C-alpha atoms as a PDB file:
ATOM      1  CA  MET A   1     -11.071 -13.745   3.019  1.00  0.00           C
ATOM      2  CA  ASP A   2     -10.434 -12.021   6.350  1.00  0.00           C
ATOM      3  CA  LEU A   3      -8.645  -9.249   4.376  1.00  0.00           C
ATOM      4  CA  PHE A   4     -12.021  -7.934   3.144  1.00  0.00           C
ATOM      5  CA  GLN A   5     -12.907  -6.952   6.716  1.00  0.00           C
ATOM      6  CA  TYR A   6     -10.255  -4.239   6.740  1.00  0.00           C
ATOM      7  CA  THR A   7     -11.001  -0.780   5.331  1.00  0.00           C
ATOM      8  CA  PHE A   8      -7.549  -0.308   3.898  1.00  0.00           C
ATOM      9  CA  PHE A   9      -7.960  -3.445   1.811  1.00  0.00           C
ATOM     10  CA  GLN A  10     -11.424  -2.437   0.671  1.00  0.00           C
ATOM     11  CA  ASN A  11      -9.997   0.905  -0.408  1.00  0.00           C
ATOM     12  CA  ALA A  12      -7.112  -0.829  -2.224  1.00  0.00           C
ATOM     13  CA  LEU A  13      -9.552  -3.191  -4.063  1.00  0.00           C
ATOM     14  CA  THR A  14     -11.793  -0.286  -5.157  1.00  0.00           C
ATOM     15  CA  ALA A  15      -8.737   1.700  -6.349  1.00  0.00           C
ATOM     16  CA  THR A  16      -7.575  -1.377  -8.329  1.00  0.00           C
ATOM     17  CA  ILE A  17     -10.891  -1.637 -10.136  1.00  0.00           C
ATOM     18  CA  LEU A  18     -11.009   2.111 -11.028  1.00  0.00           C
ATOM     19  CA  LEU A  19      -7.338   2.242 -12.088  1.00  0.00           C
ATOM     20  CA  SER A  20      -7.925  -0.793 -14.301  1.00  0.00           C
ATOM     21  CA  VAL A  21     -10.576   1.169 -16.194  1.00  0.00           C
ATOM     22  CA  ILE A  22      -8.215   4.127 -16.450  1.00  0.00           C
ATOM     23  CA  SER A  23      -5.383   1.893 -17.652  1.00  0.00           C
ATOM     24  CA  GLY A  24      -7.546   0.315 -20.303  1.00  0.00           C
ATOM     25  CA  ILE A  25      -8.733   3.618 -21.790  1.00  0.00           C
ATOM     26  CA  LEU A  26      -5.369   5.445 -21.662  1.00  0.00           C
ATOM     27  CA  GLY A  27      -3.066   2.529 -22.204  1.00  0.00           C
ATOM     28  CA  ALA A  28      -4.655   1.477 -25.510  1.00  0.00           C
ATOM     29  CA  TYR A  29      -4.150   5.019 -26.832  1.00  0.00           C
ATOM     30  CA  ILE A  30      -0.557   5.052 -25.577  1.00  0.00           C
ATOM     31  CA  VAL A  31       0.335   1.760 -27.215  1.00  0.00           C
ATOM     32  CA  VAL A  32      -1.433   2.420 -30.507  1.00  0.00           C
ATOM     33  CA  ARG A  33       0.051   5.901 -30.780  1.00  0.00           C
ATOM     34  CA  ARG A  34       3.467   4.510 -29.726  1.00  0.00           C
ATOM     35  CA  LEU A  35       3.751   6.961 -26.831  1.00  0.00           C
ATOM     36  CA  VAL A  36       5.411   4.496 -24.405  1.00  0.00           C
ATOM     37  CA  PHE A  37       8.565   6.566 -24.201  1.00  0.00           C
ATOM     38  CA  ILE A  38       6.503   9.677 -23.463  1.00  0.00           C
ATOM     39  CA  THR A  39       4.686   7.802 -20.714  1.00  0.00           C
ATOM     40  CA  GLY A  40       7.972   6.769 -19.175  1.00  0.00           C
ATOM     41  CA  GLY A  41       9.112  10.390 -19.360  1.00  0.00           C
ATOM     42  CA  ILE A  42       6.009  11.643 -17.614  1.00  0.00           C
ATOM     43  CA  THR A  43       6.286   8.942 -14.959  1.00  0.00           C
ATOM     44  CA  HIS A  44       9.870   9.842 -14.021  1.00  0.00           C
ATOM     45  CA  THR A  45       9.215  13.552 -14.353  1.00  0.00           C
ATOM     46  CA  SER A  46       6.514  13.306 -11.765  1.00  0.00           C
ATOM     47  CA  PHE A  47       9.219  12.401  -9.241  1.00  0.00           C
ATOM     48  CA  GLY A  48      10.256  16.095  -9.327  1.00  0.00           C
ATOM     49  CA  GLY A  49       6.726  17.060  -8.283  1.00  0.00           C
ATOM     50  CA  LEU A  50       6.759  14.485  -5.474  1.00  0.00           C
ATOM     51  CA  GLY A  51      10.014  15.900  -4.183  1.00  0.00           C
ATOM     52  CA  LEU A  52       8.746  19.480  -4.272  1.00  0.00           C
ATOM     53  CA  GLY A  53       5.574  18.310  -2.523  1.00  0.00           C
ATOM     54  CA  PHE A  54       7.593  16.847   0.375  1.00  0.00           C
ATOM     55  CA  TYR A  55       9.871  19.913   0.574  1.00  0.00           C
ATOM     56  CA  LEU A  56       7.082  22.545   0.412  1.00  0.00           C
ATOM     57  CA  GLY A  57       4.713  20.570   2.655  1.00  0.00           C
ATOM     58  CA  LEU A  58       2.131  20.122  -0.110  1.00  0.00           C
ATOM     59  CA  ASN A  59       0.155  17.058  -1.108  1.00  0.00           C
ATOM     60  CA  PRO A  60       2.730  15.060  -3.143  1.00  0.00           C
ATOM     61  CA  ILE A  61       0.118  13.765  -5.554  1.00  0.00           C
ATOM     62  CA  PHE A  62      -1.122  17.280  -6.358  1.00  0.00           C
ATOM     63  CA  SER A  63       2.368  18.649  -6.801  1.00  0.00           C
ATOM     64  CA  ALA A  64       3.337  15.645  -8.951  1.00  0.00           C
ATOM     65  CA  PHE A  65       0.313  16.275 -11.232  1.00  0.00           C
ATOM     66  CA  VAL A  66       1.128  19.930 -11.630  1.00  0.00           C
ATOM     67  CA  PHE A  67       4.806  19.171 -12.330  1.00  0.00           C
ATOM     68  CA  SER A  68       3.903  16.406 -14.843  1.00  0.00           C
ATOM     69  CA  LEU A  69       1.251  18.559 -16.539  1.00  0.00           C
ATOM     70  CA  LEU A  70       3.682  21.436 -17.059  1.00  0.00           C
ATOM     71  CA  SER A  71       6.261  18.947 -18.352  1.00  0.00           C
ATOM     72  CA  VAL A  72       3.827  17.458 -20.852  1.00  0.00           C
ATOM     73  CA  LEU A  73       2.844  20.920 -22.149  1.00  0.00           C
ATOM     74  CA  GLY A  74       6.546  21.894 -22.197  1.00  0.00           C
ATOM     75  CA  VAL A  75       7.423  18.810 -24.317  1.00  0.00           C
ATOM     76  CA  GLU A  76       4.660  19.542 -26.832  1.00  0.00           C
ATOM     77  CA  TRP A  77       5.604  23.261 -26.974  1.00  0.00           C
ATOM     78  CA  ILE A  78       9.321  22.720 -27.450  1.00  0.00           C
ATOM     79  CA  SER A  79       8.889  19.936 -29.999  1.00  0.00           C
ATOM     80  CA  ARG A  80       6.394  21.834 -32.119  1.00  0.00           C
ATOM     81  CA  LYS A  81       7.538  25.469 -31.729  1.00  0.00           C
ATOM     82  CA  HIS A  82      11.258  24.983 -31.696  1.00  0.00           C
ATOM     83  CA  LYS A  83      11.485  21.931 -33.955  1.00  0.00           C
ATOM     84  CA  VAL A  84      13.201  19.816 -31.258  1.00  0.00           C
ATOM     85  CA  ARG A  85      12.801  16.069 -31.626  1.00  0.00           C
ATOM     86  CA  GLU A  86      10.132  14.827 -29.225  1.00  0.00           C
ATOM     87  CA  ASP A  87      12.327  12.141 -27.661  1.00  0.00           C
ATOM     88  CA  SER A  88      15.045  14.683 -27.035  1.00  0.00           C
ATOM     89  CA  ALA A  89      12.533  17.085 -25.316  1.00  0.00           C
ATOM     90  CA  ILE A  90      11.311  14.218 -23.205  1.00  0.00           C
ATOM     91  CA  ALA A  91      14.853  13.289 -22.148  1.00  0.00           C
ATOM     92  CA  VAL A  92      15.373  16.891 -20.974  1.00  0.00           C
ATOM     93  CA  PHE A  93      12.276  16.959 -18.789  1.00  0.00           C
ATOM     94  CA  TRP A  94      12.848  13.364 -17.608  1.00  0.00           C
ATOM     95  CA  SER A  95      16.313  14.378 -16.357  1.00  0.00           C
ATOM     96  CA  LEU A  96      15.034  17.617 -14.901  1.00  0.00           C
ATOM     97  CA  GLY A  97      12.248  15.878 -12.943  1.00  0.00           C
ATOM     98  CA  MET A  98      14.576  13.292 -11.463  1.00  0.00           C
ATOM     99  CA  ALA A  99      17.166  15.873 -10.516  1.00  0.00           C
ATOM    100  CA  VAL A 100      14.637  18.211  -8.923  1.00  0.00           C
ATOM    101  CA  GLY A 101      13.068  15.303  -7.001  1.00  0.00           C
ATOM    102  CA  VAL A 102      16.433  14.060  -5.603  1.00  0.00           C
ATOM    103  CA  ILE A 103      17.475  17.545  -4.537  1.00  0.00           C
ATOM    104  CA  ALA A 104      14.135  18.454  -3.010  1.00  0.00           C
ATOM    105  CA  ILE A 105      13.934  15.224  -0.983  1.00  0.00           C
ATOM    106  CA  PHE A 106      17.528  15.607   0.159  1.00  0.00           C
ATOM    107  CA  MET A 107      16.770  19.174   1.376  1.00  0.00           C
ATOM    108  CA  THR A 108      13.546  18.108   3.127  1.00  0.00           C
ATOM    109  CA  PRO A 109      14.058  18.187   6.956  1.00  0.00           C
ATOM    110  CA  GLY A 110      13.771  14.765   8.562  1.00  0.00           C
ATOM    111  CA  TYR A 111      12.474  11.697   6.692  1.00  0.00           C
ATOM    112  CA  ALA A 112      10.077  11.979   3.714  1.00  0.00           C
ATOM    113  CA  PRO A 113       6.984  10.063   4.805  1.00  0.00           C
ATOM    114  CA  ASN A 114       5.616   7.358   2.520  1.00  0.00           C
ATOM    115  CA  LEU A 115       8.478   7.915   0.017  1.00  0.00           C
ATOM    116  CA  SER A 116       8.920   4.187  -0.563  1.00  0.00           C
ATOM    117  CA  SER A 117       5.187   3.790  -1.388  1.00  0.00           C
ATOM    118  CA  PHE A 118       5.550   6.442  -4.131  1.00  0.00           C
ATOM    119  CA  LEU A 119       8.729   4.882  -5.502  1.00  0.00           C
ATOM    120  CA  PHE A 120       7.799   1.186  -5.345  1.00  0.00           C
ATOM    121  CA  GLY A 121       4.041   1.289  -4.938  1.00  0.00           C
ATOM    122  CA  ASN A 122       1.861   0.409  -1.947  1.00  0.00           C
ATOM    123  CA  ILE A 123      -1.832   0.568  -2.895  1.00  0.00           C
ATOM    124  CA  LEU A 124      -2.689  -0.478   0.679  1.00  0.00           C
ATOM    125  CA  THR A 125      -1.956   3.166   1.684  1.00  0.00           C
ATOM    126  CA  VAL A 126      -4.750   4.538  -0.480  1.00  0.00           C
ATOM    127  CA  ASN A 127      -7.225   6.464   1.682  1.00  0.00           C
ATOM    128  CA  THR A 128     -10.782   7.778   1.143  1.00  0.00           C
ATOM    129  CA  GLN A 129      -9.615  11.064  -0.267  1.00  0.00           C
ATOM    130  CA  ASP A 130      -7.442   9.299  -2.855  1.00  0.00           C
ATOM    131  CA  LEU A 131     -10.431   7.181  -3.851  1.00  0.00           C
ATOM    132  CA  LEU A 132     -12.539  10.246  -4.372  1.00  0.00           C
ATOM    133  CA  TRP A 133      -9.978  11.786  -6.751  1.00  0.00           C
ATOM    134  CA  ILE A 134      -9.527   8.484  -8.629  1.00  0.00           C
ATOM    135  CA  SER A 135     -13.288   8.068  -8.972  1.00  0.00           C
ATOM    136  CA  VAL A 136     -13.794  11.597 -10.305  1.00  0.00           C
ATOM    137  CA  PHE A 137     -10.958  11.142 -12.797  1.00  0.00           C
ATOM    138  CA  ALA A 138     -12.240   7.707 -13.894  1.00  0.00           C
ATOM    139  CA  ILE A 139     -15.642   9.241 -14.652  1.00  0.00           C
ATOM    140  CA  ILE A 140     -14.081  12.170 -16.582  1.00  0.00           C
ATOM    141  CA  ALA A 141     -11.896   9.870 -18.599  1.00  0.00           C
ATOM    142  CA  LEU A 142     -14.783   7.473 -19.374  1.00  0.00           C
ATOM    143  CA  LEU A 143     -17.065  10.355 -20.386  1.00  0.00           C
ATOM    144  CA  PHE A 144     -14.437  11.870 -22.671  1.00  0.00           C
ATOM    145  CA  PHE A 145     -13.666   8.495 -24.217  1.00  0.00           C
ATOM    146  CA  THR A 146     -17.370   7.806 -24.777  1.00  0.00           C
ATOM    147  CA  PHE A 147     -18.245  11.134 -26.413  1.00  0.00           C
ATOM    148  CA  PHE A 148     -15.052  11.438 -28.494  1.00  0.00           C
ATOM    149  CA  TYR A 149     -14.380   7.764 -29.213  1.00  0.00           C
ATOM    150  CA  PHE A 150     -14.138   8.009 -32.952  1.00  0.00           C
ATOM    151  CA  ASP A 151     -12.033  11.205 -32.838  1.00  0.00           C
ATOM    152  CA  ILE A 152      -9.600   9.441 -30.444  1.00  0.00           C
ATOM    153  CA  LEU A 153      -9.625   6.352 -32.660  1.00  0.00           C
ATOM    154  CA  TYR A 154      -8.800   8.267 -35.846  1.00  0.00           C
ATOM    155  CA  VAL A 155      -6.053  10.338 -34.086  1.00  0.00           C
ATOM    156  CA  ALA A 156      -4.553   7.217 -32.573  1.00  0.00           C
ATOM    157  CA  LEU A 157      -4.520   5.271 -35.834  1.00  0.00           C
ATOM    158  CA  ASP A 158      -3.695   7.988 -38.401  1.00  0.00           C
ATOM    159  CA  ARG A 159      -3.184  11.604 -37.455  1.00  0.00           C
ATOM    160  CA  ASP A 160      -3.132  12.808 -41.085  1.00  0.00           C
ATOM    161  CA  PHE A 161      -6.344  10.986 -41.958  1.00  0.00           C
ATOM    162  CA  ALA A 162      -7.964  12.526 -38.813  1.00  0.00           C
ATOM    163  CA  GLN A 163      -7.102  16.026 -40.071  1.00  0.00           C
ATOM    164  CA  THR A 164      -8.694  15.269 -43.445  1.00  0.00           C
ATOM    165  CA  LYS A 165     -11.878  14.281 -41.520  1.00  0.00           C
ATOM    166  CA  GLY A 166     -11.947  17.738 -39.961  1.00  0.00           C
ATOM    167  CA  ILE A 167     -11.137  16.466 -36.451  1.00  0.00           C
ATOM    168  CA  ALA A 168      -9.513  18.900 -34.020  1.00  0.00           C
ATOM    169  CA  VAL A 169      -6.359  16.808 -33.821  1.00  0.00           C
ATOM    170  CA  LYS A 170      -4.339  19.122 -31.632  1.00  0.00           C
ATOM    171  CA  GLN A 171      -7.133  19.515 -29.082  1.00  0.00           C
ATOM    172  CA  ILE A 172      -7.597  15.725 -28.908  1.00  0.00           C
ATOM    173  CA  GLU A 173      -3.830  15.158 -28.564  1.00  0.00           C
ATOM    174  CA  TYR A 174      -3.411  17.787 -25.820  1.00  0.00           C
ATOM    175  CA  THR A 175      -6.462  16.540 -23.926  1.00  0.00           C
ATOM    176  CA  MET A 176      -5.274  12.931 -24.074  1.00  0.00           C
ATOM    177  CA  MET A 177      -1.765  13.974 -22.870  1.00  0.00           C
ATOM    178  CA  VAL A 178      -3.324  15.759 -19.932  1.00  0.00           C
ATOM    179  CA  LEU A 179      -5.485  12.745 -19.129  1.00  0.00           C
ATOM    180  CA  ILE A 180      -2.386  10.523 -19.375  1.00  0.00           C
ATOM    181  CA  ALA A 181      -0.447  12.791 -17.042  1.00  0.00           C
ATOM    182  CA  ALA A 182      -3.270  12.718 -14.509  1.00  0.00           C
ATOM    183  CA  GLY A 183      -3.757   8.950 -14.854  1.00  0.00           C
ATOM    184  CA  ILE A 184      -0.122   8.306 -14.265  1.00  0.00           C
ATOM    185  CA  VAL A 185       0.077  10.464 -11.183  1.00  0.00           C
ATOM    186  CA  LEU A 186      -3.099   8.910  -9.678  1.00  0.00           C
ATOM    187  CA  SER A 187      -1.645   5.440 -10.315  1.00  0.00           C
ATOM    188  CA  ILE A 188       1.658   6.139  -8.534  1.00  0.00           C
ATOM    189  CA  ARG A 189       0.349   4.589  -5.304  1.00  0.00           C
ATOM    190  CA  MET A 190      -0.540   1.382  -7.156  1.00  0.00           C
ATOM    191  CA  VAL A 191       2.783   0.403  -8.712  1.00  0.00           C
ATOM    192  CA  GLY A 192       5.207   3.271  -7.911  1.00  0.00           C
ATOM    193  CA  VAL A 193       7.265   5.568 -10.021  1.00  0.00           C
ATOM    194  CA  MET A 194       9.847   2.884 -10.859  1.00  0.00           C
ATOM    195  CA  LEU A 195       7.351   0.445 -12.391  1.00  0.00           C
ATOM    196  CA  LEU A 196       4.409   2.700 -13.349  1.00  0.00           C
ATOM    197  CA  MET A 197       4.980   2.553 -17.093  1.00  0.00           C
ATOM    198  CA  SER A 198       4.243  -1.151 -17.045  1.00  0.00           C
ATOM    199  CA  LEU A 199       0.634  -0.625 -15.932  1.00  0.00           C
ATOM    200  CA  PHE A 200      -0.145   1.418 -19.084  1.00  0.00           C
ATOM    201  CA  THR A 201       1.722  -0.941 -21.555  1.00  0.00           C
ATOM    202  CA  ILE A 202       1.859  -4.540 -20.533  1.00  0.00           C
ATOM    203  CA  PRO A 203      -1.947  -5.184 -20.371  1.00  0.00           C
ATOM    204  CA  GLN A 204      -2.347  -3.509 -23.744  1.00  0.00           C
ATOM    205  CA  ILE A 205       0.506  -5.430 -25.371  1.00  0.00           C
ATOM    206  CA  THR A 206      -1.075  -8.630 -23.969  1.00  0.00           C
ATOM    207  CA  ALA A 207      -4.444  -7.672 -25.376  1.00  0.00           C
ATOM    208  CA  SER A 208      -2.951  -6.986 -28.779  1.00  0.00           C
ATOM    209  CA  ILE A 209      -1.860 -10.649 -29.010  1.00  0.00           C
ATOM    210  CA  PHE A 210      -5.541 -11.559 -29.460  1.00  0.00           C
ATOM    211  CA  THR A 211      -7.079  -8.538 -31.072  1.00  0.00           C
ATOM    212  CA  HIS A 212      -6.049  -5.475 -33.070  1.00  0.00           C
ATOM    213  CA  ARG A 213      -9.445  -3.695 -32.880  1.00  0.00           C
ATOM    214  CA  PHE A 214      -9.074  -0.637 -30.715  1.00  0.00           C
ATOM    215  CA  PHE A 215     -12.332  -0.983 -28.701  1.00  0.00           C
ATOM    216  CA  LYS A 216     -11.677  -4.673 -27.964  1.00  0.00           C
ATOM    217  CA  MET A 217      -8.126  -3.822 -26.918  1.00  0.00           C
ATOM    218  CA  VAL A 218      -9.478  -1.258 -24.423  1.00  0.00           C
ATOM    219  CA  ILE A 219     -11.907  -3.771 -22.877  1.00  0.00           C
ATOM    220  CA  LEU A 220      -9.484  -6.712 -22.860  1.00  0.00           C
ATOM    221  CA  SER A 221      -6.563  -4.668 -21.463  1.00  0.00           C
ATOM    222  CA  ALA A 222      -8.767  -3.278 -18.716  1.00  0.00           C
ATOM    223  CA  ILE A 223      -9.746  -6.892 -17.715  1.00  0.00           C
ATOM    224  CA  ILE A 224      -6.109  -8.003 -17.794  1.00  0.00           C
ATOM    225  CA  ALA A 225      -5.075  -5.006 -15.659  1.00  0.00           C
ATOM    226  CA  LEU A 226      -7.886  -5.868 -13.212  1.00  0.00           C
ATOM    227  CA  ILE A 227      -6.843  -9.541 -12.906  1.00  0.00           C
ATOM    228  CA  GLY A 228      -3.200  -8.551 -12.473  1.00  0.00           C
ATOM    229  CA  GLY A 229      -4.065  -5.824 -10.016  1.00  0.00           C
ATOM    230  CA  ILE A 230      -6.270  -7.917  -7.772  1.00  0.00           C
ATOM    231  CA  THR A 231      -3.929 -10.952  -7.879  1.00  0.00           C
ATOM    232  CA  GLY A 232      -0.880  -8.782  -7.183  1.00  0.00           C
ATOM    233  CA  LEU A 233      -2.785  -7.078  -4.360  1.00  0.00           C
ATOM    234  CA  PHE A 234      -3.484 -10.402  -2.667  1.00  0.00           C
ATOM    235  CA  VAL A 235       0.087 -11.540  -3.187  1.00  0.00           C
ATOM    236  CA  SER A 236       1.571  -8.312  -1.772  1.00  0.00           C
ATOM    237  CA  SER A 237      -0.737  -8.551   1.271  1.00  0.00           C
ATOM    238  CA  LEU A 238      -0.009 -12.198   2.032  1.00  0.00           C
ATOM    239  CA  ILE A 239       3.771 -12.233   1.652  1.00  0.00           C
ATOM    240  CA  ASN A 240       4.322  -8.533   2.562  1.00  0.00           C
ATOM    241  CA  VAL A 241       6.071  -7.245  -0.510  1.00  0.00           C
ATOM    242  CA  PRO A 242       5.552  -3.955  -2.412  1.00  0.00           C
ATOM    243  CA  SER A 243       2.304  -4.041  -4.349  1.00  0.00           C
ATOM    244  CA  GLY A 244       3.890  -2.465  -7.429  1.00  0.00           C
ATOM    245  CA  ALA A 245       6.418  -5.284  -7.905  1.00  0.00           C
ATOM    246  CA  SER A 246       3.902  -8.067  -7.352  1.00  0.00           C
ATOM    247  CA  ILE A 247       1.330  -6.489  -9.734  1.00  0.00           C
ATOM    248  CA  VAL A 248       3.856  -5.973 -12.521  1.00  0.00           C
ATOM    249  CA  LEU A 249       5.209  -9.509 -12.005  1.00  0.00           C
ATOM    250  CA  ILE A 250       1.696 -10.928 -12.323  1.00  0.00           C
ATOM    251  CA  LEU A 251       1.077  -8.864 -15.513  1.00  0.00           C
ATOM    252  CA  VAL A 252       4.322 -10.170 -17.049  1.00  0.00           C
ATOM    253  CA  LEU A 253       3.354 -13.731 -16.251  1.00  0.00           C
ATOM    254  CA  ILE A 254      -0.073 -13.159 -17.881  1.00  0.00           C
ATOM    255  CA  TYR A 255       1.716 -11.804 -20.969  1.00  0.00           C
ATOM    256  CA  ILE A 256       3.970 -14.907 -21.117  1.00  0.00           C
ATOM    257  CA  LEU A 257       0.917 -17.145 -20.638  1.00  0.00           C
ATOM    258  CA  ALA A 258      -0.935 -15.293 -23.369  1.00  0.00           C
ATOM    259  CA  LYS A 259       1.978 -15.694 -25.796  1.00  0.00           C
ATOM    260  CA  GLY A 260       2.055 -19.390 -25.052  1.00  0.00           C
ATOM    261  CA  ILE A 261      -1.680 -19.801 -25.642  1.00  0.00           C
ATOM    262  CA  LYS A 262      -1.491 -17.870 -28.902  1.00  0.00           C
ATOM    263  CA  SER A 263       1.414 -20.066 -30.116  1.00  0.00           C
ATOM    264  CA  LEU A 264      -0.580 -23.206 -29.329  1.00  0.00           C
ATOM    265  CA  LEU A 265      -3.622 -21.864 -31.158  1.00  0.00           C
ATOM    266  CA  VAL A 266      -1.532 -20.941 -34.244  1.00  0.00           C
ATOM    267  CA  LYS A 267       0.031 -24.432 -34.352  1.00  0.00           C
ATOM    268  CA  GLN A 268      -3.350 -26.071 -34.186  1.00  0.00           C
END
C-alpha cells in the first residue's frame, strides 16, 4: 500500500484506468471488424515515428502519432484507390515504419532516452502531461462512441447493411481508424510497441467467451483490461520487471482462466 504514496504510481494507476476505457471501446471494434492485423501494423509503424522523434528532438509520442496517422490514411488510400490488398499495403507501411525507426535511432547522437520504455512498456514513467493527453483522448473517444454508437455497431457488424441504412460508412471507418491510431500511440507507455497489440485484442477475445453482444463486450473487455492492467502494474512494481510484459502475461492468464470457467459451465 505504500506505493500509493508516490506520485509516479498514482499517475500510472490513473493512466491504467483511462487506457482500459479506451481499450474497451476501440478493442471491441477492432476484434468485431477483424482489424487485428491492421492494429499490429499501426503499432509497429509507430516505431518509425518514435525514431524520428528521437532524431529530430521532438516529443516521441507526438511524432509517433503523426507517423501512424499518415500510415493509416496511406493504407486506406492505397487499398481503395489503387486496388492493392489491404494486408499487402499494411505490410509495406509496417516494414517502412520499422526500417525508418531503426535508422533514425541509429543516427541519433548518444543514447535514445526512455527507448526501452517505448519498446517494452513502463507505465511508471507516465507524467502529468501524458495523463492530460490520455484524459482528453478518453473523453473524445467516449463522446464519439456515445453519439455514434449505432452507426459504429452497424459498420462493425455489417458494412453493406450499414450503407443501406444511409450511414456514412467511410466517415465512420476513417474516424475509427484515426481513433485507433491515437489510442495505440497513447498506450505505448503502458505495454510497449512489442506487445501493444495484445491490449486491444486479448481483453476483447476474453469477453467474447461470455457474450457476443457488442455493448456488453465493450464493458466486459474494459473491466478485464482494468484488472489486468492494475494487477500487472503491481507485479511490475514489486518484482521490477517491464510493465508491458507483466500486464500482457496477466491478461493471457485471465483468458486461460475464462476458457476454463466456460468449459466447466458448458459441461454442467
